[in-house]
Amino acid sequence: MSRRDTSESFADEPLRYPVIDSTVQFRSGHVIDVRTDVVQMPSGDTTERDVVVHPGAVGVIALDDQDRVLFIQQFRHSVGHLCWEPPAGLLDEPDEDPLDAARRELFEEAHVHADRWDVLVDAFTSPGMTDEAVRIYLARDVRPAEGARHEGEHEESDMPTRWVALDDAVAAILQGRLHNPMGAMGVLATAASRTDGYAGLRDAHAPWPQMSQWPGSRAATG
């Protein structure tokens, strides 16, 4: 088997054990719900698994012609930090295409448009506890948006922006100065993809089957 064949066969595989009972424990009315599943294991035993049900999200690594990455700074209550992050947002609009959501978030959070889009990374953010799936795009050929800037609310009402050299962003991640997971995954993937001129990236409309890893889970939480 060739090296290429070996690398392409190294992949996560879909697998589900039977769920014999499922109970919604908590409805936030905001982003998440919490569900407890009773799962039948291959041995025949059953065990309970709590699942944080999440609508999914998209993130954008916007790269300009000077090899700089666009960051926004946002207050994050749960971790008590002002975090430098890429533009990102929830997939909480019914039937919204992920690429359209990414374009919208780039405009709303950074007042920027981009003409070239590719898929950088698909990931589960914390598969031991949540069904959240994220897709991170690389956006190039960026340009300032025209017209009035979008006015955010709460944490999004005042988000400074900053363009940072890609190599400096990589260093900040490896030195433990930046902590946002979409930023870490996206920046490191961008640096790795740069070695072949981004030729290995997937089309912006590439399939994303992991977004439906738990069929009916979102509907079940109402």
C-alpha atoms as a PDB file:
ATOM      1  CA  MET A   1       0.000   0.000   0.000  1.00  0.00           C
ATOM      2  CA  SER A   2       1.321   3.436  -0.893  1.00  0.00           C
ATOM      3  CA  ARG A   3       1.914   6.186   1.640  1.00  0.00           C
ATOM      4  CA  ARG A   4      -0.974   8.136   0.125  1.00  0.00           C
ATOM      5  CA  ASP A   5      -3.336   5.185   0.530  1.00  0.00           C
ATOM      6  CA  THR A   6      -2.260   4.783   4.153  1.00  0.00           C
ATOM      7  CA  SER A   7      -2.838   8.433   5.018  1.00  0.00           C
ATOM      8  CA  GLU A   8      -6.272   8.554   3.381  1.00  0.00           C
ATOM      9  CA  SER A   9      -7.399   5.467   5.298  1.00  0.00           C
ATOM     10  CA  PHE A  10      -6.520   7.134   8.618  1.00  0.00           C
ATOM     11  CA  ALA A  11      -9.887   8.645   9.476  1.00  0.00           C
ATOM     12  CA  ASP A  12     -12.603   8.766  12.110  1.00  0.00           C
ATOM     13  CA  GLU A  13     -15.429   6.310  11.465  1.00  0.00           C
ATOM     14  CA  PRO A  14     -19.131   6.841  12.180  1.00  0.00           C
ATOM     15  CA  LEU A  15     -20.428   4.447  14.839  1.00  0.00           C
ATOM     16  CA  ARG A  16     -23.417   4.508  17.170  1.00  0.00           C
ATOM     17  CA  TYR A  17     -24.430   2.111  19.910  1.00  0.00           C
ATOM     18  CA  PRO A  18     -28.179   1.690  20.492  1.00  0.00           C
ATOM     19  CA  VAL A  19     -29.812   4.367  22.639  1.00  0.00           C
ATOM     20  CA  ILE A  20     -32.587   2.691  24.574  1.00  0.00           C
ATOM     21  CA  ASP A  21     -33.770   5.793  26.400  1.00  0.00           C
ATOM     22  CA  SER A  22     -33.140   9.533  26.142  1.00  0.00           C
ATOM     23  CA  THR A  23     -34.194  12.324  28.495  1.00  0.00           C
ATOM     24  CA  VAL A  24     -33.755  16.066  28.127  1.00  0.00           C
ATOM     25  CA  GLN A  25     -32.460  17.228  31.498  1.00  0.00           C
ATOM     26  CA  PHE A  26     -32.119  20.934  30.805  1.00  0.00           C
ATOM     27  CA  ARG A  27     -33.367  23.425  28.237  1.00  0.00           C
ATOM     28  CA  SER A  28     -31.441  26.679  28.301  1.00  0.00           C
ATOM     29  CA  GLY A  29     -33.598  28.538  25.810  1.00  0.00           C
ATOM     30  CA  HIS A  30     -30.348  29.984  24.474  1.00  0.00           C
ATOM     31  CA  VAL A  31     -27.536  27.981  22.870  1.00  0.00           C
ATOM     32  CA  ILE A  32     -27.447  24.552  24.501  1.00  0.00           C
ATOM     33  CA  ASP A  33     -29.606  21.815  25.963  1.00  0.00           C
ATOM     34  CA  VAL A  34     -28.440  18.843  28.017  1.00  0.00           C
ATOM     35  CA  ARG A  35     -29.642  15.308  27.287  1.00  0.00           C
ATOM     36  CA  THR A  36     -28.999  12.014  29.077  1.00  0.00           C
ATOM     37  CA  ASP A  37     -28.873   8.920  26.867  1.00  0.00           C
ATOM     38  CA  VAL A  38     -29.016   5.349  28.114  1.00  0.00           C
ATOM     39  CA  VAL A  39     -26.612   3.561  25.785  1.00  0.00           C
ATOM     40  CA  GLN A  40     -26.379  -0.179  25.238  1.00  0.00           C
ATOM     41  CA  MET A  41     -22.736  -1.206  24.957  1.00  0.00           C
ATOM     42  CA  PRO A  42     -21.458  -4.152  22.860  1.00  0.00           C
ATOM     43  CA  SER A  43     -21.230  -6.261  26.034  1.00  0.00           C
ATOM     44  CA  GLY A  44     -24.978  -5.855  26.566  1.00  0.00           C
ATOM     45  CA  ASP A  45     -24.515  -3.609  29.584  1.00  0.00           C
ATOM     46  CA  THR A  46     -26.089  -0.170  29.625  1.00  0.00           C
ATOM     47  CA  THR A  47     -24.539   3.106  30.701  1.00  0.00           C
ATOM     48  CA  GLU A  48     -25.658   6.717  30.876  1.00  0.00           C
ATOM     49  CA  ARG A  49     -23.987   9.441  28.827  1.00  0.00           C
ATOM     50  CA  ASP A  50     -24.753  13.138  29.175  1.00  0.00           C
ATOM     51  CA  VAL A  51     -24.693  15.101  25.917  1.00  0.00           C
ATOM     52  CA  VAL A  52     -24.566  18.865  25.591  1.00  0.00           C
ATOM     53  CA  VAL A  53     -26.686  19.475  22.481  1.00  0.00           C
ATOM     54  CA  HIS A  54     -25.274  22.286  20.368  1.00  0.00           C
ATOM     55  CA  PRO A  55     -26.357  23.725  16.992  1.00  0.00           C
ATOM     56  CA  GLY A  56     -22.812  23.750  15.578  1.00  0.00           C
ATOM     57  CA  ALA A  57     -20.696  26.691  14.518  1.00  0.00           C
ATOM     58  CA  VAL A  58     -18.453  28.119  11.827  1.00  0.00           C
ATOM     59  CA  GLY A  59     -15.217  30.086  12.087  1.00  0.00           C
ATOM     60  CA  VAL A  60     -13.206  32.138   9.597  1.00  0.00           C
ATOM     61  CA  ILE A  61      -9.470  32.537   9.237  1.00  0.00           C
ATOM     62  CA  ALA A  62      -9.291  35.665   7.094  1.00  0.00           C
ATOM     63  CA  LEU A  63      -5.857  36.000   5.494  1.00  0.00           C
ATOM     64  CA  ASP A  64      -4.811  39.172   3.681  1.00  0.00           C
ATOM     65  CA  ASP A  65      -2.212  39.644   0.936  1.00  0.00           C
ATOM     66  CA  GLN A  66       0.440  40.394   3.572  1.00  0.00           C
ATOM     67  CA  ASP A  67      -0.026  36.958   5.170  1.00  0.00           C
ATOM     68  CA  ARG A  68      -1.805  38.437   8.167  1.00  0.00           C
ATOM     69  CA  VAL A  69      -4.710  36.843  10.058  1.00  0.00           C
ATOM     70  CA  LEU A  70      -7.698  38.830  11.267  1.00  0.00           C
ATOM     71  CA  PHE A  71      -8.569  38.503  14.966  1.00  0.00           C
ATOM     72  CA  ILE A  72     -11.335  40.003  17.037  1.00  0.00           C
ATOM     73  CA  GLN A  73     -11.183  40.446  20.812  1.00  0.00           C
ATOM     74  CA  GLN A  74     -14.220  39.264  22.739  1.00  0.00           C
ATOM     75  CA  PHE A  75     -15.091  38.921  26.422  1.00  0.00           C
ATOM     76  CA  ARG A  76     -15.818  35.322  27.428  1.00  0.00           C
ATOM     77  CA  HIS A  77     -17.661  35.093  30.732  1.00  0.00           C
ATOM     78  CA  SER A  78     -17.265  31.334  31.267  1.00  0.00           C
ATOM     79  CA  VAL A  79     -13.452  31.479  31.267  1.00  0.00           C
ATOM     80  CA  GLY A  80     -13.062  35.040  32.548  1.00  0.00           C
ATOM     81  CA  HIS A  81     -10.894  36.267  29.677  1.00  0.00           C
ATOM     82  CA  LEU A  82     -10.766  38.738  26.852  1.00  0.00           C
ATOM     83  CA  CYS A  83      -9.891  36.347  24.057  1.00  0.00           C
ATOM     84  CA  TRP A  84      -8.431  37.042  20.631  1.00  0.00           C
ATOM     85  CA  GLU A  85     -10.446  34.880  18.255  1.00  0.00           C
ATOM     86  CA  PRO A  86     -11.248  34.518  14.575  1.00  0.00           C
ATOM     87  CA  PRO A  87     -14.694  35.686  13.475  1.00  0.00           C
ATOM     88  CA  ALA A  88     -17.137  32.888  14.258  1.00  0.00           C
ATOM     89  CA  GLY A  89     -20.763  32.182  14.981  1.00  0.00           C
ATOM     90  CA  LEU A  90     -23.454  29.642  15.693  1.00  0.00           C
ATOM     91  CA  LEU A  91     -25.406  27.724  13.086  1.00  0.00           C
ATOM     92  CA  ASP A  92     -28.658  28.608  14.785  1.00  0.00           C
ATOM     93  CA  GLU A  93     -30.544  29.974  11.787  1.00  0.00           C
ATOM     94  CA  PRO A  94     -32.838  27.281  10.304  1.00  0.00           C
ATOM     95  CA  ASP A  95     -31.473  25.810   7.060  1.00  0.00           C
ATOM     96  CA  GLU A  96     -28.695  28.413   6.752  1.00  0.00           C
ATOM     97  CA  ASP A  97     -25.812  27.168   4.615  1.00  0.00           C
ATOM     98  CA  PRO A  98     -22.566  27.037   6.656  1.00  0.00           C
ATOM     99  CA  LEU A  99     -20.663  29.057   4.050  1.00  0.00           C
ATOM    100  CA  ASP A 100     -23.358  31.735   4.060  1.00  0.00           C
ATOM    101  CA  ALA A 101     -23.139  31.807   7.855  1.00  0.00           C
ATOM    102  CA  ALA A 102     -19.358  32.232   7.674  1.00  0.00           C
ATOM    103  CA  ARG A 103     -19.684  35.106   5.202  1.00  0.00           C
ATOM    104  CA  ARG A 104     -22.262  36.742   7.473  1.00  0.00           C
ATOM    105  CA  GLU A 105     -20.102  36.397  10.584  1.00  0.00           C
ATOM    106  CA  LEU A 106     -17.057  37.849   8.823  1.00  0.00           C
ATOM    107  CA  PHE A 107     -19.114  40.871   7.827  1.00  0.00           C
ATOM    108  CA  GLU A 108     -20.961  41.340  11.118  1.00  0.00           C
ATOM    109  CA  GLU A 109     -17.977  40.877  13.423  1.00  0.00           C
ATOM    110  CA  ALA A 110     -15.179  42.417  11.354  1.00  0.00           C
ATOM    111  CA  HIS A 111     -16.898  44.431   8.573  1.00  0.00           C
ATOM    112  CA  VAL A 112     -14.910  42.500   5.964  1.00  0.00           C
ATOM    113  CA  HIS A 113     -15.789  40.569   2.800  1.00  0.00           C
ATOM    114  CA  ALA A 114     -13.720  37.880   1.084  1.00  0.00           C
ATOM    115  CA  ASP A 115     -13.852  36.603  -2.476  1.00  0.00           C
ATOM    116  CA  ARG A 116     -12.031  33.282  -2.062  1.00  0.00           C
ATOM    117  CA  TRP A 117     -13.143  30.588   0.371  1.00  0.00           C
ATOM    118  CA  ASP A 118     -11.872  27.098   1.208  1.00  0.00           C
ATOM    119  CA  VAL A 119     -12.478  24.606   4.004  1.00  0.00           C
ATOM    120  CA  LEU A 120      -9.601  24.424   6.494  1.00  0.00           C
ATOM    121  CA  VAL A 121     -10.788  22.162   9.317  1.00  0.00           C
ATOM    122  CA  ASP A 122     -13.830  20.195  10.427  1.00  0.00           C
ATOM    123  CA  ALA A 123     -13.797  19.279  14.101  1.00  0.00           C
ATOM    124  CA  PHE A 124     -15.722  18.087  17.126  1.00  0.00           C
ATOM    125  CA  THR A 125     -14.869  20.577  19.857  1.00  0.00           C
ATOM    126  CA  SER A 126     -15.259  18.207  22.805  1.00  0.00           C
ATOM    127  CA  PRO A 127     -16.577  14.804  21.667  1.00  0.00           C
ATOM    128  CA  GLY A 128     -16.601  13.355  25.160  1.00  0.00           C
ATOM    129  CA  MET A 129     -19.430  15.644  26.222  1.00  0.00           C
ATOM    130  CA  THR A 130     -21.033  17.540  23.327  1.00  0.00           C
ATOM    131  CA  ASP A 131     -22.261  16.952  19.788  1.00  0.00           C
ATOM    132  CA  GLU A 132     -20.933  20.355  18.707  1.00  0.00           C
ATOM    133  CA  ALA A 133     -19.359  20.232  15.249  1.00  0.00           C
ATOM    134  CA  VAL A 134     -17.469  23.189  13.800  1.00  0.00           C
ATOM    135  CA  ARG A 135     -16.211  24.054  10.339  1.00  0.00           C
ATOM    136  CA  ILE A 136     -13.379  26.553   9.903  1.00  0.00           C
ATOM    137  CA  TYR A 137     -12.897  28.291   6.564  1.00  0.00           C
ATOM    138  CA  LEU A 138      -9.914  30.040   5.050  1.00  0.00           C
ATOM    139  CA  ALA A 139     -11.035  33.341   3.519  1.00  0.00           C
ATOM    140  CA  ARG A 140      -8.691  35.160   1.128  1.00  0.00           C
ATOM    141  CA  ASP A 141      -8.877  38.105  -1.244  1.00  0.00           C
ATOM    142  CA  VAL A 142     -10.294  40.098   1.642  1.00  0.00           C
ATOM    143  CA  ARG A 143     -11.545  43.660   1.371  1.00  0.00           C
ATOM    144  CA  PRO A 144     -13.283  46.120   3.682  1.00  0.00           C
ATOM    145  CA  ALA A 145     -17.060  46.044   3.543  1.00  0.00           C
ATOM    146  CA  GLU A 146     -18.971  49.083   2.382  1.00  0.00           C
ATOM    147  CA  GLY A 147     -21.755  50.837   4.216  1.00  0.00           C
ATOM    148  CA  ALA A 148     -22.589  50.984   7.910  1.00  0.00           C
ATOM    149  CA  ARG A 149     -20.938  48.590  10.312  1.00  0.00           C
ATOM    150  CA  HIS A 150     -23.103  45.965  11.996  1.00  0.00           C
ATOM    151  CA  GLU A 151     -23.962  46.880  15.603  1.00  0.00           C
ATOM    152  CA  GLY A 152     -23.611  43.912  17.931  1.00  0.00           C
ATOM    153  CA  GLU A 153     -25.133  43.392  21.368  1.00  0.00           C
ATOM    154  CA  HIS A 154     -23.742  42.457  24.790  1.00  0.00           C
ATOM    155  CA  GLU A 155     -20.279  40.854  24.375  1.00  0.00           C
ATOM    156  CA  GLU A 156     -20.379  41.700  20.667  1.00  0.00           C
ATOM    157  CA  SER A 157     -21.025  45.408  21.172  1.00  0.00           C
ATOM    158  CA  ASP A 158     -17.321  46.307  21.439  1.00  0.00           C
ATOM    159  CA  MET A 159     -14.939  43.906  19.706  1.00  0.00           C
ATOM    160  CA  PRO A 160     -11.575  45.371  18.669  1.00  0.00           C
ATOM    161  CA  THR A 161      -9.976  43.876  15.563  1.00  0.00           C
ATOM    162  CA  ARG A 162      -6.321  43.212  14.850  1.00  0.00           C
ATOM    163  CA  TRP A 163      -4.356  41.888  11.887  1.00  0.00           C
ATOM    164  CA  VAL A 164      -1.511  39.623  13.046  1.00  0.00           C
ATOM    165  CA  ALA A 165       1.225  38.047  10.923  1.00  0.00           C
ATOM    166  CA  LEU A 166       0.503  34.340  10.466  1.00  0.00           C
ATOM    167  CA  ASP A 167       3.881  33.314  11.888  1.00  0.00           C
ATOM    168  CA  ASP A 168       3.319  35.528  14.938  1.00  0.00           C
ATOM    169  CA  ALA A 169      -0.109  33.985  15.482  1.00  0.00           C
ATOM    170  CA  VAL A 170       1.416  30.493  15.331  1.00  0.00           C
ATOM    171  CA  ALA A 171       4.007  31.526  17.918  1.00  0.00           C
ATOM    172  CA  ALA A 172       1.335  32.987  20.204  1.00  0.00           C
ATOM    173  CA  ILE A 173      -0.578  29.702  20.120  1.00  0.00           C
ATOM    174  CA  LEU A 174       2.458  27.507  20.742  1.00  0.00           C
ATOM    175  CA  GLN A 175       3.610  29.771  23.573  1.00  0.00           C
ATOM    176  CA  GLY A 176       0.238  29.533  25.318  1.00  0.00           C
ATOM    177  CA  ARG A 177      -0.809  33.139  24.766  1.00  0.00           C
ATOM    178  CA  LEU A 178      -3.913  32.411  22.672  1.00  0.00           C
ATOM    179  CA  HIS A 179      -6.490  29.842  23.751  1.00  0.00           C
ATOM    180  CA  ASN A 180      -9.509  29.936  21.455  1.00  0.00           C
ATOM    181  CA  PRO A 181      -9.830  26.461  19.867  1.00  0.00           C
ATOM    182  CA  MET A 182     -11.071  27.692  16.493  1.00  0.00           C
ATOM    183  CA  GLY A 183      -8.161  30.120  16.409  1.00  0.00           C
ATOM    184  CA  ALA A 184      -5.647  27.435  17.327  1.00  0.00           C
ATOM    185  CA  MET A 185      -6.980  24.875  14.853  1.00  0.00           C
ATOM    186  CA  GLY A 186      -7.471  27.385  12.067  1.00  0.00           C
ATOM    187  CA  VAL A 187      -4.160  29.199  12.390  1.00  0.00           C
ATOM    188  CA  LEU A 188      -2.107  25.999  12.639  1.00  0.00           C
ATOM    189  CA  ALA A 189      -3.990  24.492   9.698  1.00  0.00           C
ATOM    190  CA  THR A 190      -3.367  27.639   7.669  1.00  0.00           C
ATOM    191  CA  ALA A 191       0.354  27.517   8.432  1.00  0.00           C
ATOM    192  CA  ALA A 192       0.505  23.840   7.483  1.00  0.00           C
ATOM    193  CA  SER A 193      -1.490  24.432   4.288  1.00  0.00           C
ATOM    194  CA  ARG A 194       0.771  27.277   3.231  1.00  0.00           C
ATOM    195  CA  THR A 195       3.580  24.804   2.492  1.00  0.00           C
ATOM    196  CA  ASP A 196       1.885  23.649  -0.727  1.00  0.00           C
ATOM    197  CA  GLY A 197       0.310  26.975  -1.577  1.00  0.00           C
ATOM    198  CA  TYR A 198      -3.048  25.861  -0.103  1.00  0.00           C
ATOM    199  CA  ALA A 199      -3.462  23.329  -2.917  1.00  0.00           C
ATOM    200  CA  GLY A 200      -4.672  20.608  -0.559  1.00  0.00           C
ATOM    201  CA  LEU A 201      -7.650  22.476   0.859  1.00  0.00           C
ATOM    202  CA  ARG A 202     -11.198  21.354   0.211  1.00  0.00           C
ATOM    203  CA  ASP A 203     -13.773  23.305  -1.745  1.00  0.00           C
ATOM    204  CA  ALA A 204     -15.843  25.704   0.340  1.00  0.00           C
ATOM    205  CA  HIS A 205     -18.941  23.630  -0.462  1.00  0.00           C
ATOM    206  CA  ALA A 206     -17.359  20.296   0.512  1.00  0.00           C
ATOM    207  CA  PRO A 207     -19.760  17.855   2.213  1.00  0.00           C
ATOM    208  CA  TRP A 208     -19.964  18.050   6.000  1.00  0.00           C
ATOM    209  CA  PRO A 209     -21.655  14.829   7.144  1.00  0.00           C
ATOM    210  CA  GLN A 210     -20.508  15.249  10.754  1.00  0.00           C
ATOM    211  CA  MET A 211     -22.955  18.112  11.184  1.00  0.00           C
ATOM    212  CA  SER A 212     -25.716  15.488  11.353  1.00  0.00           C
ATOM    213  CA  GLN A 213     -23.865  13.031  13.580  1.00  0.00           C
ATOM    214  CA  TRP A 214     -26.848  12.762  15.930  1.00  0.00           C
ATOM    215  CA  PRO A 215     -29.923  12.648  13.660  1.00  0.00           C
ATOM    216  CA  GLY A 216     -32.927  14.099  15.429  1.00  0.00           C
ATOM    217  CA  SER A 217     -30.955  15.270  18.466  1.00  0.00           C
ATOM    218  CA  ARG A 218     -31.706  18.917  17.881  1.00  0.00           C
ATOM    219  CA  ALA A 219     -35.306  18.237  16.987  1.00  0.00           C
ATOM    220  CA  ALA A 220     -35.655  16.125  20.135  1.00  0.00           C
ATOM    221  CA  THR A 221     -34.733  19.112  22.267  1.00  0.00           C
ATOM    222  CA  GLY A 222     -37.396  21.218  20.591  1.00  0.00           C
END
